[in-house]
Amino acid sequence: NMKTYYVWIGNLEEGDFEQYWDNEPYENEMELWKKGQGSKPSEGLKCGFCREMGLDELDKKDFWFSTRPYLCSVRELAKDYITGLDEFERKCREKGILEGNVIWGLSAKDFPDLKPEDSSSLYYVGAEEIEICN
């Protein structure tokens, strides 16, 4: 069961990472606004990822991530998700990404127009074919 995911690696404080991906506050306010029950939410309420990528919605889309409380090798970060670790590690090394505490994957199918290298908080590794095993 292979799927293509955009994969990023980063080094973020725990609280910062939650703010980076949790777009629910913005989406909830948008729902209310669409029902005429409030004012249009400001862009500032969007999660960091959506702001960087110019997205409105992230909830209920297909993404995964793993965080560590400390910096570790890309191999250690990716081992639960990525089967071809040698190849993945090589790609990361070529881009100068040696370690991190966050790995983030987002289904390419859900976001066909995304420009993954626009992320300024995380380093984009590439589009990976991933066998979903968890």
C-alpha atoms as a PDB file:
ATOM      1  CA  ASN A   1       0.000   0.000   0.000  1.00  0.00           C
ATOM      2  CA  MET A   2       2.256   2.775  -1.292  1.00  0.00           C
ATOM      3  CA  LYS A   3       1.425   6.458  -1.135  1.00  0.00           C
ATOM      4  CA  THR A   4       3.439   9.537  -2.005  1.00  0.00           C
ATOM      5  CA  TYR A   5       4.112  11.996   0.782  1.00  0.00           C
ATOM      6  CA  TYR A   6       5.985  15.247   0.863  1.00  0.00           C
ATOM      7  CA  VAL A   7       8.459  14.901   3.706  1.00  0.00           C
ATOM      8  CA  TRP A   8      10.060  17.637   5.799  1.00  0.00           C
ATOM      9  CA  ILE A   9      12.455  17.566   8.718  1.00  0.00           C
ATOM     10  CA  GLY A  10      12.867  20.311  11.250  1.00  0.00           C
ATOM     11  CA  ASN A  11      14.056  21.367  14.637  1.00  0.00           C
ATOM     12  CA  LEU A  12      11.265  23.059  16.570  1.00  0.00           C
ATOM     13  CA  GLU A  13      10.359  23.551  20.199  1.00  0.00           C
ATOM     14  CA  GLU A  14       7.452  21.337  21.230  1.00  0.00           C
ATOM     15  CA  GLY A  15       4.946  24.180  21.639  1.00  0.00           C
ATOM     16  CA  ASP A  16       6.046  25.717  18.347  1.00  0.00           C
ATOM     17  CA  PHE A  17       5.486  22.488  16.484  1.00  0.00           C
ATOM     18  CA  GLU A  18       1.934  22.152  17.776  1.00  0.00           C
ATOM     19  CA  GLN A  19       1.242  25.680  16.531  1.00  0.00           C
ATOM     20  CA  TYR A  20       2.871  24.737  13.259  1.00  0.00           C
ATOM     21  CA  TRP A  21       0.386  22.014  12.346  1.00  0.00           C
ATOM     22  CA  ASP A  22      -2.753  22.587  14.420  1.00  0.00           C
ATOM     23  CA  ASN A  23      -5.074  24.529  12.129  1.00  0.00           C
ATOM     24  CA  GLU A  24      -8.265  23.644  13.980  1.00  0.00           C
ATOM     25  CA  PRO A  25      -8.746  27.049  15.663  1.00  0.00           C
ATOM     26  CA  TYR A  26      -8.703  28.759  12.253  1.00  0.00           C
ATOM     27  CA  GLU A  27     -10.944  26.192  10.584  1.00  0.00           C
ATOM     28  CA  ASN A  28     -13.470  26.344  13.433  1.00  0.00           C
ATOM     29  CA  GLU A  29     -13.680  30.136  13.154  1.00  0.00           C
ATOM     30  CA  MET A  30     -14.048  29.843   9.358  1.00  0.00           C
ATOM     31  CA  GLU A  31     -17.002  27.470   9.841  1.00  0.00           C
ATOM     32  CA  LEU A  32     -18.707  29.958  12.156  1.00  0.00           C
ATOM     33  CA  TRP A  33     -18.010  32.824   9.771  1.00  0.00           C
ATOM     34  CA  LYS A  34     -19.503  30.868   6.863  1.00  0.00           C
ATOM     35  CA  LYS A  35     -22.642  30.311   8.967  1.00  0.00           C
ATOM     36  CA  GLY A  36     -22.790  34.038   9.679  1.00  0.00           C
ATOM     37  CA  GLN A  37     -21.914  33.564  13.349  1.00  0.00           C
ATOM     38  CA  GLY A  38     -18.803  35.631  13.669  1.00  0.00           C
ATOM     39  CA  SER A  39     -16.244  37.688  11.883  1.00  0.00           C
ATOM     40  CA  LYS A  40     -13.820  36.276   9.358  1.00  0.00           C
ATOM     41  CA  PRO A  41     -10.775  34.904  11.209  1.00  0.00           C
ATOM     42  CA  SER A  42      -7.461  36.618  10.606  1.00  0.00           C
ATOM     43  CA  GLU A  43      -4.637  34.890   8.766  1.00  0.00           C
ATOM     44  CA  GLY A  44      -2.727  35.069  12.036  1.00  0.00           C
ATOM     45  CA  LEU A  45      -4.959  32.369  13.466  1.00  0.00           C
ATOM     46  CA  LYS A  46      -3.823  29.907  10.798  1.00  0.00           C
ATOM     47  CA  CYS A  47      -1.251  27.332  11.751  1.00  0.00           C
ATOM     48  CA  GLY A  48       2.298  28.099  10.641  1.00  0.00           C
ATOM     49  CA  PHE A  49       2.287  25.437   7.958  1.00  0.00           C
ATOM     50  CA  CYS A  50      -0.885  26.801   6.334  1.00  0.00           C
ATOM     51  CA  ARG A  51       0.486  30.341   6.432  1.00  0.00           C
ATOM     52  CA  GLU A  52       3.767  29.287   4.815  1.00  0.00           C
ATOM     53  CA  MET A  53       2.019  27.181   2.200  1.00  0.00           C
ATOM     54  CA  GLY A  54      -0.904  29.509   1.497  1.00  0.00           C
ATOM     55  CA  LEU A  55      -3.450  26.864   2.564  1.00  0.00           C
ATOM     56  CA  ASP A  56      -6.785  27.286   4.300  1.00  0.00           C
ATOM     57  CA  GLU A  57      -7.445  23.726   5.302  1.00  0.00           C
ATOM     58  CA  LEU A  58      -5.386  20.987   6.817  1.00  0.00           C
ATOM     59  CA  ASP A  59      -7.810  19.216   9.134  1.00  0.00           C
ATOM     60  CA  LYS A  60      -8.955  15.772   8.119  1.00  0.00           C
ATOM     61  CA  LYS A  61      -6.292  15.641   5.424  1.00  0.00           C
ATOM     62  CA  ASP A  62      -3.785  12.842   5.292  1.00  0.00           C
ATOM     63  CA  PHE A  63      -0.647  13.764   7.211  1.00  0.00           C
ATOM     64  CA  TRP A  64       1.583  12.245   9.843  1.00  0.00           C
ATOM     65  CA  PHE A  65       4.449  13.371  11.976  1.00  0.00           C
ATOM     66  CA  SER A  66       6.777  12.171  14.634  1.00  0.00           C
ATOM     67  CA  THR A  67       8.560  14.285  17.207  1.00  0.00           C
ATOM     68  CA  ARG A  68      11.420  13.614  19.585  1.00  0.00           C
ATOM     69  CA  PRO A  69      12.239  15.543  22.735  1.00  0.00           C
ATOM     70  CA  TYR A  70      15.827  15.922  21.492  1.00  0.00           C
ATOM     71  CA  LEU A  71      17.744  16.225  18.235  1.00  0.00           C
ATOM     72  CA  CYS A  72      18.456  12.909  16.577  1.00  0.00           C
ATOM     73  CA  SER A  73      19.655  11.592  13.222  1.00  0.00           C
ATOM     74  CA  VAL A  74      17.305  11.714  10.241  1.00  0.00           C
ATOM     75  CA  ARG A  75      17.484   7.938  10.181  1.00  0.00           C
ATOM     76  CA  GLU A  76      16.191   7.687  13.736  1.00  0.00           C
ATOM     77  CA  LEU A  77      13.394  10.177  12.960  1.00  0.00           C
ATOM     78  CA  ALA A  78      12.300   8.381   9.795  1.00  0.00           C
ATOM     79  CA  LYS A  79      12.547   4.759  10.869  1.00  0.00           C
ATOM     80  CA  ASP A  80       8.879   4.330  11.813  1.00  0.00           C
ATOM     81  CA  TYR A  81       7.656   5.577   8.450  1.00  0.00           C
ATOM     82  CA  ILE A  82      10.215   5.140   5.741  1.00  0.00           C
ATOM     83  CA  THR A  83      11.363   1.760   4.491  1.00  0.00           C
ATOM     84  CA  GLY A  84      14.264   2.854   2.253  1.00  0.00           C
ATOM     85  CA  LEU A  85      16.253   4.502   5.023  1.00  0.00           C
ATOM     86  CA  ASP A  86      19.626   4.471   3.242  1.00  0.00           C
ATOM     87  CA  GLU A  87      18.194   6.298   0.251  1.00  0.00           C
ATOM     88  CA  PHE A  88      16.291   8.726   2.497  1.00  0.00           C
ATOM     89  CA  GLU A  89      19.405   9.451   4.540  1.00  0.00           C
ATOM     90  CA  ARG A  90      21.370  10.073   1.346  1.00  0.00           C
ATOM     91  CA  LYS A  91      18.759  12.569   0.105  1.00  0.00           C
ATOM     92  CA  CYS A  92      18.844  14.385   3.416  1.00  0.00           C
ATOM     93  CA  ARG A  93      22.645  14.493   3.456  1.00  0.00           C
ATOM     94  CA  GLU A  94      22.697  15.951  -0.054  1.00  0.00           C
ATOM     95  CA  LYS A  95      20.514  18.779   1.234  1.00  0.00           C
ATOM     96  CA  GLY A  96      22.613  19.223   4.353  1.00  0.00           C
ATOM     97  CA  ILE A  97      19.894  17.889   6.654  1.00  0.00           C
ATOM     98  CA  LEU A  98      21.666  15.740   9.224  1.00  0.00           C
ATOM     99  CA  GLU A  99      19.406  15.819  12.249  1.00  0.00           C
ATOM    100  CA  GLY A 100      16.167  17.148  13.616  1.00  0.00           C
ATOM    101  CA  ASN A 101      13.464  16.499  16.173  1.00  0.00           C
ATOM    102  CA  VAL A 102      10.454  16.613  13.857  1.00  0.00           C
ATOM    103  CA  ILE A 103       9.553  14.688  10.723  1.00  0.00           C
ATOM    104  CA  TRP A 104       6.388  15.683   8.893  1.00  0.00           C
ATOM    105  CA  GLY A 105       4.676  13.951   5.993  1.00  0.00           C
ATOM    106  CA  LEU A 106       1.757  15.244   3.954  1.00  0.00           C
ATOM    107  CA  SER A 107      -0.116  13.331   1.260  1.00  0.00           C
ATOM    108  CA  ALA A 108       0.843  14.677  -2.168  1.00  0.00           C
ATOM    109  CA  LYS A 109      -2.525  13.537  -3.531  1.00  0.00           C
ATOM    110  CA  ASP A 110      -4.391  15.852  -1.131  1.00  0.00           C
ATOM    111  CA  PHE A 111      -2.369  18.889  -2.200  1.00  0.00           C
ATOM    112  CA  PRO A 112      -1.554  18.636  -5.912  1.00  0.00           C
ATOM    113  CA  ASP A 113      -0.592  22.326  -6.217  1.00  0.00           C
ATOM    114  CA  LEU A 114       1.548  22.580  -3.099  1.00  0.00           C
ATOM    115  CA  LYS A 115       5.040  24.070  -3.394  1.00  0.00           C
ATOM    116  CA  PRO A 116       6.717  22.052  -0.652  1.00  0.00           C
ATOM    117  CA  GLU A 117       9.950  24.021  -0.704  1.00  0.00           C
ATOM    118  CA  ASP A 118       8.052  27.135   0.419  1.00  0.00           C
ATOM    119  CA  SER A 119       8.244  25.965   4.009  1.00  0.00           C
ATOM    120  CA  SER A 120      10.483  28.258   6.013  1.00  0.00           C
ATOM    121  CA  SER A 121      10.193  26.429   9.340  1.00  0.00           C
ATOM    122  CA  LEU A 122      11.004  22.930   8.109  1.00  0.00           C
ATOM    123  CA  TYR A 123      13.486  21.606   5.560  1.00  0.00           C
ATOM    124  CA  TYR A 124      11.914  19.857   2.599  1.00  0.00           C
ATOM    125  CA  VAL A 125      13.503  16.492   1.843  1.00  0.00           C
ATOM    126  CA  GLY A 126      11.436  15.355  -1.123  1.00  0.00           C
ATOM    127  CA  ALA A 127       8.405  13.394  -2.249  1.00  0.00           C
ATOM    128  CA  GLU A 128       8.689   9.889  -0.825  1.00  0.00           C
ATOM    129  CA  GLU A 129       6.843   6.727  -1.751  1.00  0.00           C
ATOM    130  CA  ILE A 130       5.855   5.392   1.626  1.00  0.00           C
ATOM    131  CA  GLU A 131       4.377   2.073   2.529  1.00  0.00           C
ATOM    132  CA  ILE A 132       1.771   2.811   5.145  1.00  0.00           C
ATOM    133  CA  CYS A 133       2.273   0.259   7.837  1.00  0.00           C
ATOM    134  CA  ASN A 134       1.027   1.940  11.026  1.00  0.00           C
END
